[in-house]
Amino acid sequence: VLVVGLAPAAHGANRTGRMFTGDRSGDVLFAALHRTGWASQPLSTSA
């Protein structure tokens, strides 16, 4: 499965260096990925 978004957030991925990491949009996505078994943890804060 390949998830295709839009672009890094200025103070999210542009800060952390990882897709959807470090902003509220990413918090929502990674929490859902964890609930559905795709991600190892519910919160992505840094690379």
ModelCIF file with pLDDT and N, C-alpha, C, O atoms, coordinates in Angstrom:
data_MODEL
#
_entry.id   MODEL 
#
_entity.id                         1 
_entity.type                       polymer 
_entity.pdbx_number_of_molecules   1 
#
_entity_poly.entity_id                      1 
_entity_poly.type                           'polypeptide(L)' 
_entity_poly.nstd_linkage                   no 
_entity_poly.nstd_monomer                   no 
_entity_poly.pdbx_seq_one_letter_code       VLVVGLAPAAHGANRTGRMFTGDRSGDVLFAALHRTGWASQPLSTSA 
_entity_poly.pdbx_seq_one_letter_code_can   VLVVGLAPAAHGANRTGRMFTGDRSGDVLFAALHRTGWASQPLSTSA 
_entity_poly.pdbx_strand_id                 A 
#
loop_
_entity_poly_seq.entity_id 
_entity_poly_seq.num 
_entity_poly_seq.mon_id 
_entity_poly_seq.hetero 
1 1  VAL n 
1 2  LEU n 
1 3  VAL n 
1 4  VAL n 
1 5  GLY n 
1 6  LEU n 
1 7  ALA n 
1 8  PRO n 
1 9  ALA n 
1 10 ALA n 
1 11 HIS n 
1 12 GLY n 
1 13 ALA n 
1 14 ASN n 
1 15 ARG n 
1 16 THR n 
1 17 GLY n 
1 18 ARG n 
1 19 MET n 
1 20 PHE n 
1 21 THR n 
1 22 GLY n 
1 23 ASP n 
1 24 ARG n 
1 25 SER n 
1 26 GLY n 
1 27 ASP n 
1 28 VAL n 
1 29 LEU n 
1 30 PHE n 
1 31 ALA n 
1 32 ALA n 
1 33 LEU n 
1 34 HIS n 
1 35 ARG n 
1 36 THR n 
1 37 GLY n 
1 38 TRP n 
1 39 ALA n 
1 40 SER n 
1 41 GLN n 
1 42 PRO n 
1 43 LEU n 
1 44 SER n 
1 45 THR n 
1 46 SER n 
1 47 ALA n 
#
_struct_asym.id          A 
_struct_asym.entity_id   1 
#
loop_
_ma_qa_metric.id 
_ma_qa_metric.mode 
_ma_qa_metric.name 
_ma_qa_metric.software_group_id 
_ma_qa_metric.type 
1 global pLDDT . pLDDT 
2 local  pLDDT . pLDDT 
#
_ma_qa_metric_global.metric_id      1 
_ma_qa_metric_global.metric_value   97.17 
_ma_qa_metric_global.model_id       1 
_ma_qa_metric_global.ordinal_id     1 
#
loop_
_ma_qa_metric_local.label_asym_id 
_ma_qa_metric_local.label_comp_id 
_ma_qa_metric_local.label_seq_id 
_ma_qa_metric_local.metric_id 
_ma_qa_metric_local.metric_value 
_ma_qa_metric_local.model_id 
_ma_qa_metric_local.ordinal_id 
A VAL 1  2 98.00 1 1  
A LEU 2  2 98.00 1 2  
A VAL 3  2 98.00 1 3  
A VAL 4  2 98.00 1 4  
A GLY 5  2 97.00 1 5  
A LEU 6  2 96.00 1 6  
A ALA 7  2 97.00 1 7  
A PRO 8  2 97.00 1 8  
A ALA 9  2 96.00 1 9  
A ALA 10 2 97.00 1 10 
A HIS 11 2 97.00 1 11 
A GLY 12 2 97.00 1 12 
A ALA 13 2 98.00 1 13 
A ASN 14 2 98.00 1 14 
A ARG 15 2 98.00 1 15 
A THR 16 2 98.00 1 16 
A GLY 17 2 97.00 1 17 
A ARG 18 2 98.00 1 18 
A MET 19 2 97.00 1 19 
A PHE 20 2 97.00 1 20 
A THR 21 2 98.00 1 21 
A GLY 22 2 95.00 1 22 
A ASP 23 2 96.00 1 23 
A ARG 24 2 95.00 1 24 
A SER 25 2 96.00 1 25 
A GLY 26 2 97.00 1 26 
A ASP 27 2 97.00 1 27 
A VAL 28 2 98.00 1 28 
A LEU 29 2 98.00 1 29 
A PHE 30 2 98.00 1 30 
A ALA 31 2 98.00 1 31 
A ALA 32 2 98.00 1 32 
A LEU 33 2 98.00 1 33 
A HIS 34 2 98.00 1 34 
A ARG 35 2 98.00 1 35 
A THR 36 2 98.00 1 36 
A GLY 37 2 97.00 1 37 
A TRP 38 2 98.00 1 38 
A ALA 39 2 98.00 1 39 
A SER 40 2 98.00 1 40 
A GLN 41 2 97.00 1 41 
A PRO 42 2 97.00 1 42 
A LEU 43 2 97.00 1 43 
A SER 44 2 96.00 1 44 
A THR 45 2 96.00 1 45 
A SER 46 2 95.00 1 46 
A ALA 47 2 95.00 1 47 
#
loop_
_atom_site.group_PDB 
_atom_site.id 
_atom_site.type_symbol 
_atom_site.label_atom_id 
_atom_site.label_alt_id 
_atom_site.label_comp_id 
_atom_site.label_asym_id 
_atom_site.label_entity_id 
_atom_site.label_seq_id 
_atom_site.pdbx_PDB_ins_code 
_atom_site.Cartn_x 
_atom_site.Cartn_y 
_atom_site.Cartn_z 
_atom_site.occupancy 
_atom_site.B_iso_or_equiv 
_atom_site.pdbx_formal_charge 
_atom_site.auth_seq_id 
_atom_site.auth_comp_id 
_atom_site.auth_asym_id 
_atom_site.auth_atom_id 
_atom_site.pdbx_PDB_model_num 
ATOM 1   N N  . VAL A 1 1  ? 0.857  -1.189 0.000  1.00 98.00 ? 1  VAL A N  1 
ATOM 2   C CA . VAL A 1 1  ? 0.000  0.000  0.000  1.00 98.00 ? 1  VAL A CA 1 
ATOM 3   C C  . VAL A 1 1  ? 0.889  1.233  0.000  1.00 98.00 ? 1  VAL A C  1 
ATOM 4   O O  . VAL A 1 1  ? 1.819  1.336  0.800  1.00 98.00 ? 1  VAL A O  1 
ATOM 5   N N  . LEU A 1 2  ? 0.600  2.176  -0.906 1.00 98.00 ? 2  LEU A N  1 
ATOM 6   C CA . LEU A 1 2  ? 1.295  3.460  -0.929 1.00 98.00 ? 2  LEU A CA 1 
ATOM 7   C C  . LEU A 1 2  ? 0.284  4.561  -0.631 1.00 98.00 ? 2  LEU A C  1 
ATOM 8   O O  . LEU A 1 2  ? -0.697 4.729  -1.355 1.00 98.00 ? 2  LEU A O  1 
ATOM 9   N N  . VAL A 1 3  ? 0.534  5.312  0.445  1.00 98.00 ? 3  VAL A N  1 
ATOM 10  C CA . VAL A 1 3  ? -0.290 6.463  0.793  1.00 98.00 ? 3  VAL A CA 1 
ATOM 11  C C  . VAL A 1 3  ? 0.298  7.695  0.112  1.00 98.00 ? 3  VAL A C  1 
ATOM 12  O O  . VAL A 1 3  ? 1.485  7.988  0.263  1.00 98.00 ? 3  VAL A O  1 
ATOM 13  N N  . VAL A 1 4  ? -0.530 8.410  -0.633 1.00 98.00 ? 4  VAL A N  1 
ATOM 14  C CA . VAL A 1 4  ? -0.089 9.598  -1.367 1.00 98.00 ? 4  VAL A CA 1 
ATOM 15  C C  . VAL A 1 4  ? -0.794 10.813 -0.787 1.00 98.00 ? 4  VAL A C  1 
ATOM 16  O O  . VAL A 1 4  ? -2.018 10.922 -0.864 1.00 98.00 ? 4  VAL A O  1 
ATOM 17  N N  . GLY A 1 5  ? -0.014 11.738 -0.198 1.00 97.00 ? 5  GLY A N  1 
ATOM 18  C CA . GLY A 1 5  ? -0.592 12.922 0.418  1.00 97.00 ? 5  GLY A CA 1 
ATOM 19  C C  . GLY A 1 5  ? -0.554 14.120 -0.503 1.00 97.00 ? 5  GLY A C  1 
ATOM 20  O O  . GLY A 1 5  ? -0.887 14.022 -1.684 1.00 97.00 ? 5  GLY A O  1 
ATOM 21  N N  . LEU A 1 6  ? -0.136 15.278 0.057  1.00 96.00 ? 6  LEU A N  1 
ATOM 22  C CA . LEU A 1 6  ? -0.071 16.506 -0.722 1.00 96.00 ? 6  LEU A CA 1 
ATOM 23  C C  . LEU A 1 6  ? 1.369  17.023 -0.751 1.00 96.00 ? 6  LEU A C  1 
ATOM 24  O O  . LEU A 1 6  ? 2.033  16.966 -1.786 1.00 96.00 ? 6  LEU A O  1 
ATOM 25  N N  . ALA A 1 7  ? 1.850  17.529 0.394  1.00 97.00 ? 7  ALA A N  1 
ATOM 26  C CA . ALA A 1 7  ? 3.205  18.063 0.507  1.00 97.00 ? 7  ALA A CA 1 
ATOM 27  C C  . ALA A 1 7  ? 3.531  18.181 1.991  1.00 97.00 ? 7  ALA A C  1 
ATOM 28  O O  . ALA A 1 7  ? 2.617  18.197 2.816  1.00 97.00 ? 7  ALA A O  1 
ATOM 29  N N  . PRO A 1 8  ? 4.813  18.262 2.353  1.00 97.00 ? 8  PRO A N  1 
ATOM 30  C CA . PRO A 1 8  ? 5.172  18.419 3.765  1.00 97.00 ? 8  PRO A CA 1 
ATOM 31  C C  . PRO A 1 8  ? 4.627  19.714 4.354  1.00 97.00 ? 8  PRO A C  1 
ATOM 32  O O  . PRO A 1 8  ? 4.523  20.725 3.660  1.00 97.00 ? 8  PRO A O  1 
ATOM 33  N N  . ALA A 1 9  ? 4.283  19.677 5.631  1.00 96.00 ? 9  ALA A N  1 
ATOM 34  C CA . ALA A 1 9  ? 3.865  20.884 6.339  1.00 96.00 ? 9  ALA A CA 1 
ATOM 35  C C  . ALA A 1 9  ? 5.099  21.676 6.754  1.00 96.00 ? 9  ALA A C  1 
ATOM 36  O O  . ALA A 1 9  ? 6.136  21.101 7.082  1.00 96.00 ? 9  ALA A O  1 
ATOM 37  N N  . ALA A 1 10 ? 4.977  23.000 6.737  1.00 97.00 ? 10 ALA A N  1 
ATOM 38  C CA . ALA A 1 10 ? 6.130  23.865 7.005  1.00 97.00 ? 10 ALA A CA 1 
ATOM 39  C C  . ALA A 1 10 ? 6.765  23.587 8.367  1.00 97.00 ? 10 ALA A C  1 
ATOM 40  O O  . ALA A 1 10 ? 7.989  23.554 8.489  1.00 97.00 ? 10 ALA A O  1 
ATOM 41  N N  . HIS A 1 11 ? 5.930  23.385 9.391  1.00 97.00 ? 11 HIS A N  1 
ATOM 42  C CA . HIS A 1 11 ? 6.463  23.165 10.736 1.00 97.00 ? 11 HIS A CA 1 
ATOM 43  C C  . HIS A 1 11 ? 6.245  21.729 11.207 1.00 97.00 ? 11 HIS A C  1 
ATOM 44  O O  . HIS A 1 11 ? 6.427  21.406 12.381 1.00 97.00 ? 11 HIS A O  1 
ATOM 45  N N  . GLY A 1 12 ? 5.847  20.874 10.255 1.00 97.00 ? 12 GLY A N  1 
ATOM 46  C CA . GLY A 1 12 ? 5.700  19.456 10.535 1.00 97.00 ? 12 GLY A CA 1 
ATOM 47  C C  . GLY A 1 12 ? 6.857  18.702 9.928  1.00 97.00 ? 12 GLY A C  1 
ATOM 48  O O  . GLY A 1 12 ? 7.952  18.671 10.491 1.00 97.00 ? 12 GLY A O  1 
ATOM 49  N N  . ALA A 1 13 ? 6.617  18.085 8.762  1.00 98.00 ? 13 ALA A N  1 
ATOM 50  C CA . ALA A 1 13 ? 7.674  17.289 8.115  1.00 98.00 ? 13 ALA A CA 1 
ATOM 51  C C  . ALA A 1 13 ? 8.874  18.131 7.708  1.00 98.00 ? 13 ALA A C  1 
ATOM 52  O O  . ALA A 1 13 ? 9.997  17.626 7.698  1.00 98.00 ? 13 ALA A O  1 
ATOM 53  N N  . ASN A 1 14 ? 8.667  19.405 7.372  1.00 98.00 ? 14 ASN A N  1 
ATOM 54  C CA . ASN A 1 14 ? 9.797  20.275 7.044  1.00 98.00 ? 14 ASN A CA 1 
ATOM 55  C C  . ASN A 1 14 ? 10.693 20.502 8.263  1.00 98.00 ? 14 ASN A C  1 
ATOM 56  O O  . ASN A 1 14 ? 11.864 20.855 8.130  1.00 98.00 ? 14 ASN A O  1 
ATOM 57  N N  . ARG A 1 15 ? 10.130 20.297 9.435  1.00 98.00 ? 15 ARG A N  1 
ATOM 58  C CA . ARG A 1 15 ? 10.894 20.410 10.689 1.00 98.00 ? 15 ARG A CA 1 
ATOM 59  C C  . ARG A 1 15 ? 11.528 19.073 11.080 1.00 98.00 ? 15 ARG A C  1 
ATOM 60  O O  . ARG A 1 15 ? 12.697 19.023 11.463 1.00 98.00 ? 15 ARG A O  1 
ATOM 61  N N  . THR A 1 16 ? 10.749 17.992 10.981 1.00 98.00 ? 16 THR A N  1 
ATOM 62  C CA . THR A 1 16 ? 11.202 16.699 11.496 1.00 98.00 ? 16 THR A CA 1 
ATOM 63  C C  . THR A 1 16 ? 11.928 15.847 10.470 1.00 98.00 ? 16 THR A C  1 
ATOM 64  O O  . THR A 1 16 ? 12.725 14.981 10.831 1.00 98.00 ? 16 THR A O  1 
ATOM 65  N N  . GLY A 1 17 ? 11.657 16.090 9.182  1.00 97.00 ? 17 GLY A N  1 
ATOM 66  C CA . GLY A 1 17 ? 12.296 15.291 8.137  1.00 97.00 ? 17 GLY A CA 1 
ATOM 67  C C  . GLY A 1 17 ? 11.606 13.983 7.837  1.00 97.00 ? 17 GLY A C  1 
ATOM 68  O O  . GLY A 1 17 ? 12.174 13.136 7.147  1.00 97.00 ? 17 GLY A O  1 
ATOM 69  N N  . ARG A 1 18 ? 10.388 13.788 8.338  1.00 98.00 ? 18 ARG A N  1 
ATOM 70  C CA . ARG A 1 18 ? 9.644  12.566 8.048  1.00 98.00 ? 18 ARG A CA 1 
ATOM 71  C C  . ARG A 1 18 ? 8.202  12.900 7.690  1.00 98.00 ? 18 ARG A C  1 
ATOM 72  O O  . ARG A 1 18 ? 7.572  13.741 8.330  1.00 98.00 ? 18 ARG A O  1 
ATOM 73  N N  . MET A 1 19 ? 7.688  12.238 6.669  1.00 97.00 ? 19 MET A N  1 
ATOM 74  C CA . MET A 1 19 ? 6.330  12.471 6.196  1.00 97.00 ? 19 MET A CA 1 
ATOM 75  C C  . MET A 1 19 ? 5.307  12.404 7.339  1.00 97.00 ? 19 MET A C  1 
ATOM 76  O O  . MET A 1 19 ? 5.336  11.490 8.163  1.00 97.00 ? 19 MET A O  1 
ATOM 77  N N  . PHE A 1 20 ? 4.406  13.391 7.370  1.00 97.00 ? 20 PHE A N  1 
ATOM 78  C CA . PHE A 1 20 ? 3.286  13.433 8.315  1.00 97.00 ? 20 PHE A CA 1 
ATOM 79  C C  . PHE A 1 20 ? 3.728  13.373 9.776  1.00 97.00 ? 20 PHE A C  1 
ATOM 80  O O  . PHE A 1 20 ? 2.994  12.872 10.628 1.00 97.00 ? 20 PHE A O  1 
ATOM 81  N N  . THR A 1 21 ? 4.906  13.875 10.062 1.00 98.00 ? 21 THR A N  1 
ATOM 82  C CA . THR A 1 21 ? 5.423  13.784 11.425 1.00 98.00 ? 21 THR A CA 1 
ATOM 83  C C  . THR A 1 21 ? 5.631  15.177 12.009 1.00 98.00 ? 21 THR A C  1 
ATOM 84  O O  . THR A 1 21 ? 6.303  16.019 11.415 1.00 98.00 ? 21 THR A O  1 
ATOM 85  N N  . GLY A 1 22 ? 5.044  15.406 13.181 1.00 95.00 ? 22 GLY A N  1 
ATOM 86  C CA . GLY A 1 22 ? 5.272  16.655 13.880 1.00 95.00 ? 22 GLY A CA 1 
ATOM 87  C C  . GLY A 1 22 ? 4.184  17.690 13.748 1.00 95.00 ? 22 GLY A C  1 
ATOM 88  O O  . GLY A 1 22 ? 4.387  18.838 14.144 1.00 95.00 ? 22 GLY A O  1 
ATOM 89  N N  . ASP A 1 23 ? 3.013  17.323 13.194 1.00 96.00 ? 23 ASP A N  1 
ATOM 90  C CA . ASP A 1 23 ? 1.899  18.266 13.130 1.00 96.00 ? 23 ASP A CA 1 
ATOM 91  C C  . ASP A 1 23 ? 0.596  17.531 13.421 1.00 96.00 ? 23 ASP A C  1 
ATOM 92  O O  . ASP A 1 23 ? 0.584  16.305 13.537 1.00 96.00 ? 23 ASP A O  1 
ATOM 93  N N  . ARG A 1 24 ? -0.493 18.272 13.539 1.00 95.00 ? 24 ARG A N  1 
ATOM 94  C CA . ARG A 1 24 ? -1.754 17.668 13.957 1.00 95.00 ? 24 ARG A CA 1 
ATOM 95  C C  . ARG A 1 24 ? -2.342 16.748 12.892 1.00 95.00 ? 24 ARG A C  1 
ATOM 96  O O  . ARG A 1 24 ? -3.004 15.761 13.213 1.00 95.00 ? 24 ARG A O  1 
ATOM 97  N N  . SER A 1 25 ? -2.101 17.074 11.633 1.00 96.00 ? 25 SER A N  1 
ATOM 98  C CA . SER A 1 25 ? -2.575 16.173 10.576 1.00 96.00 ? 25 SER A CA 1 
ATOM 99  C C  . SER A 1 25 ? -1.918 14.809 10.712 1.00 96.00 ? 25 SER A C  1 
ATOM 100 O O  . SER A 1 25 ? -2.579 13.775 10.614 1.00 96.00 ? 25 SER A O  1 
ATOM 101 N N  . GLY A 1 26 ? -0.612 14.820 10.937 1.00 97.00 ? 26 GLY A N  1 
ATOM 102 C CA . GLY A 1 26 ? 0.111  13.574 11.127 1.00 97.00 ? 26 GLY A CA 1 
ATOM 103 C C  . GLY A 1 26 ? -0.333 12.831 12.368 1.00 97.00 ? 26 GLY A C  1 
ATOM 104 O O  . GLY A 1 26 ? -0.388 11.602 12.372 1.00 97.00 ? 26 GLY A O  1 
ATOM 105 N N  . ASP A 1 27 ? -0.655 13.579 13.437 1.00 97.00 ? 27 ASP A N  1 
ATOM 106 C CA . ASP A 1 27 ? -1.139 12.931 14.657 1.00 97.00 ? 27 ASP A CA 1 
ATOM 107 C C  . ASP A 1 27 ? -2.398 12.120 14.372 1.00 97.00 ? 27 ASP A C  1 
ATOM 108 O O  . ASP A 1 27 ? -2.551 10.999 14.857 1.00 97.00 ? 27 ASP A O  1 
ATOM 109 N N  . VAL A 1 28 ? -3.294 12.701 13.579 1.00 98.00 ? 28 VAL A N  1 
ATOM 110 C CA . VAL A 1 28 ? -4.543 12.007 13.230 1.00 98.00 ? 28 VAL A CA 1 
ATOM 111 C C  . VAL A 1 28 ? -4.240 10.778 12.387 1.00 98.00 ? 28 VAL A C  1 
ATOM 112 O O  . VAL A 1 28 ? -4.792 9.704  12.629 1.00 98.00 ? 28 VAL A O  1 
ATOM 113 N N  . LEU A 1 29 ? -3.365 10.930 11.398 1.00 98.00 ? 29 LEU A N  1 
ATOM 114 C CA . LEU A 1 29 ? -3.078 9.824  10.490 1.00 98.00 ? 29 LEU A CA 1 
ATOM 115 C C  . LEU A 1 29 ? -2.372 8.677  11.199 1.00 98.00 ? 29 LEU A C  1 
ATOM 116 O O  . LEU A 1 29 ? -2.776 7.523  11.051 1.00 98.00 ? 29 LEU A O  1 
ATOM 117 N N  . PHE A 1 30 ? -1.335 8.967  11.959 1.00 98.00 ? 30 PHE A N  1 
ATOM 118 C CA . PHE A 1 30 ? -0.587 7.886  12.607 1.00 98.00 ? 30 PHE A CA 1 
ATOM 119 C C  . PHE A 1 30 ? -1.421 7.186  13.678 1.00 98.00 ? 30 PHE A C  1 
ATOM 120 O O  . PHE A 1 30 ? -1.278 5.980  13.877 1.00 98.00 ? 30 PHE A O  1 
ATOM 121 N N  . ALA A 1 31 ? -2.281 7.918  14.364 1.00 98.00 ? 31 ALA A N  1 
ATOM 122 C CA . ALA A 1 31 ? -3.169 7.267  15.331 1.00 98.00 ? 31 ALA A CA 1 
ATOM 123 C C  . ALA A 1 31 ? -4.063 6.253  14.629 1.00 98.00 ? 31 ALA A C  1 
ATOM 124 O O  . ALA A 1 31 ? -4.282 5.152  15.134 1.00 98.00 ? 31 ALA A O  1 
ATOM 125 N N  . ALA A 1 32 ? -4.581 6.632  13.458 1.00 98.00 ? 32 ALA A N  1 
ATOM 126 C CA . ALA A 1 32 ? -5.429 5.722  12.690 1.00 98.00 ? 32 ALA A CA 1 
ATOM 127 C C  . ALA A 1 32 ? -4.627 4.553  12.139 1.00 98.00 ? 32 ALA A C  1 
ATOM 128 O O  . ALA A 1 32 ? -5.104 3.418  12.146 1.00 98.00 ? 32 ALA A O  1 
ATOM 129 N N  . LEU A 1 33 ? -3.425 4.813  11.664 1.00 98.00 ? 33 LEU A N  1 
ATOM 130 C CA . LEU A 1 33 ? -2.565 3.730  11.164 1.00 98.00 ? 33 LEU A CA 1 
ATOM 131 C C  . LEU A 1 33 ? -2.268 2.727  12.270 1.00 98.00 ? 33 LEU A C  1 
ATOM 132 O O  . LEU A 1 33 ? -2.208 1.523  12.020 1.00 98.00 ? 33 LEU A O  1 
ATOM 133 N N  . HIS A 1 34 ? -2.083 3.216  13.483 1.00 98.00 ? 34 HIS A N  1 
ATOM 134 C CA . HIS A 1 34 ? -1.828 2.316  14.616 1.00 98.00 ? 34 HIS A CA 1 
ATOM 135 C C  . HIS A 1 34 ? -3.073 1.499  14.953 1.00 98.00 ? 34 HIS A C  1 
ATOM 136 O O  . HIS A 1 34 ? -2.988 0.294  15.190 1.00 98.00 ? 34 HIS A O  1 
ATOM 137 N N  . ARG A 1 35 ? -4.222 2.157  14.972 1.00 98.00 ? 35 ARG A N  1 
ATOM 138 C CA . ARG A 1 35 ? -5.463 1.451  15.288 1.00 98.00 ? 35 ARG A CA 1 
ATOM 139 C C  . ARG A 1 35 ? -5.756 0.345  14.291 1.00 98.00 ? 35 ARG A C  1 
ATOM 140 O O  . ARG A 1 35 ? -6.319 -0.688 14.654 1.00 98.00 ? 35 ARG A O  1 
ATOM 141 N N  . THR A 1 36 ? -5.379 0.555  13.035 1.00 98.00 ? 36 THR A N  1 
ATOM 142 C CA . THR A 1 36 ? -5.699 -0.412 11.982 1.00 98.00 ? 36 THR A CA 1 
ATOM 143 C C  . THR A 1 36 ? -4.534 -1.347 11.664 1.00 98.00 ? 36 THR A C  1 
ATOM 144 O O  . THR A 1 36 ? -4.596 -2.111 10.700 1.00 98.00 ? 36 THR A O  1 
ATOM 145 N N  . GLY A 1 37 ? -3.490 -1.290 12.459 1.00 97.00 ? 37 GLY A N  1 
ATOM 146 C CA . GLY A 1 37 ? -2.429 -2.288 12.364 1.00 97.00 ? 37 GLY A CA 1 
ATOM 147 C C  . GLY A 1 37 ? -1.296 -1.997 11.404 1.00 97.00 ? 37 GLY A C  1 
ATOM 148 O O  . GLY A 1 37 ? -0.482 -2.879 11.128 1.00 97.00 ? 37 GLY A O  1 
ATOM 149 N N  . TRP A 1 38 ? -1.222 -0.765 10.882 1.00 98.00 ? 38 TRP A N  1 
ATOM 150 C CA . TRP A 1 38 ? -0.148 -0.447 9.937  1.00 98.00 ? 38 TRP A CA 1 
ATOM 151 C C  . TRP A 1 38 ? 1.089  0.134  10.613 1.00 98.00 ? 38 TRP A C  1 
ATOM 152 O O  . TRP A 1 38 ? 2.200  -0.013 10.104 1.00 98.00 ? 38 TRP A O  1 
ATOM 153 N N  . ALA A 1 39 ? 0.905  0.790  11.749 1.00 98.00 ? 39 ALA A N  1 
ATOM 154 C CA . ALA A 1 39 ? 1.995  1.513  12.417 1.00 98.00 ? 39 ALA A CA 1 
ATOM 155 C C  . ALA A 1 39 ? 2.287  0.916  13.783 1.00 98.00 ? 39 ALA A C  1 
ATOM 156 O O  . ALA A 1 39 ? 1.386  0.416  14.457 1.00 98.00 ? 39 ALA A O  1 
ATOM 157 N N  . SER A 1 40 ? 3.551  0.971  14.188 1.00 98.00 ? 40 SER A N  1 
ATOM 158 C CA . SER A 1 40 ? 3.987  0.349  15.435 1.00 98.00 ? 40 SER A CA 1 
ATOM 159 C C  . SER A 1 40 ? 3.595  1.142  16.669 1.00 98.00 ? 40 SER A C  1 
ATOM 160 O O  . SER A 1 40 ? 3.565  0.588  17.768 1.00 98.00 ? 40 SER A O  1 
ATOM 161 N N  . GLN A 1 41 ? 3.295  2.423  16.515 1.00 97.00 ? 41 GLN A N  1 
ATOM 162 C CA . GLN A 1 41 ? 2.924  3.259  17.655 1.00 97.00 ? 41 GLN A CA 1 
ATOM 163 C C  . GLN A 1 41 ? 1.961  4.347  17.186 1.00 97.00 ? 41 GLN A C  1 
ATOM 164 O O  . GLN A 1 41 ? 1.907  4.650  15.995 1.00 97.00 ? 41 GLN A O  1 
ATOM 165 N N  . PRO A 1 42 ? 1.195  4.941  18.114 1.00 97.00 ? 42 PRO A N  1 
ATOM 166 C CA . PRO A 1 42 ? 0.128  5.857  17.706 1.00 97.00 ? 42 PRO A CA 1 
ATOM 167 C C  . PRO A 1 42 ? 0.558  7.296  17.472 1.00 97.00 ? 42 PRO A C  1 
ATOM 168 O O  . PRO A 1 42 ? -0.222 8.087  16.942 1.00 97.00 ? 42 PRO A O  1 
ATOM 169 N N  . LEU A 1 43 ? 1.781  7.655  17.855 1.00 97.00 ? 43 LEU A N  1 
ATOM 170 C CA . LEU A 1 43 ? 2.204  9.042  17.730 1.00 97.00 ? 43 LEU A CA 1 
ATOM 171 C C  . LEU A 1 43 ? 3.581  9.105  17.087 1.00 97.00 ? 43 LEU A C  1 
ATOM 172 O O  . LEU A 1 43 ? 4.508  8.410  17.501 1.00 97.00 ? 43 LEU A O  1 
ATOM 173 N N  . SER A 1 44 ? 3.698  9.953  16.065 1.00 96.00 ? 44 SER A N  1 
ATOM 174 C CA . SER A 1 44 ? 4.961  10.142 15.352 1.00 96.00 ? 44 SER A CA 1 
ATOM 175 C C  . SER A 1 44 ? 5.458  11.554 15.640 1.00 96.00 ? 44 SER A C  1 
ATOM 176 O O  . SER A 1 44 ? 4.850  12.531 15.201 1.00 96.00 ? 44 SER A O  1 
ATOM 177 N N  . THR A 1 45 ? 6.568  11.664 16.378 1.00 96.00 ? 45 THR A N  1 
ATOM 178 C CA . THR A 1 45 ? 7.038  12.974 16.828 1.00 96.00 ? 45 THR A CA 1 
ATOM 179 C C  . THR A 1 45 ? 8.339  13.415 16.178 1.00 96.00 ? 45 THR A C  1 
ATOM 180 O O  . THR A 1 45 ? 8.590  14.612 16.037 1.00 96.00 ? 45 THR A O  1 
ATOM 181 N N  . SER A 1 46 ? 9.170  12.454 15.780 1.00 95.00 ? 46 SER A N  1 
ATOM 182 C CA . SER A 1 46 ? 10.466 12.798 15.187 1.00 95.00 ? 46 SER A CA 1 
ATOM 183 C C  . SER A 1 46 ? 10.956 11.628 14.351 1.00 95.00 ? 46 SER A C  1 
ATOM 184 O O  . SER A 1 46 ? 10.448 10.513 14.464 1.00 95.00 ? 46 SER A O  1 
ATOM 185 N N  . ALA A 1 47 ? 11.942 11.893 13.516 1.00 95.00 ? 47 ALA A N  1 
ATOM 186 C CA . ALA A 1 47 ? 12.472 10.833 12.656 1.00 95.00 ? 47 ALA A CA 1 
ATOM 187 C C  . ALA A 1 47 ? 13.186 9.741  13.443 1.00 95.00 ? 47 ALA A C  1 
ATOM 188 O O  . ALA A 1 47 ? 13.684 8.781  12.855 1.00 95.00 ? 47 ALA A O  1 
#
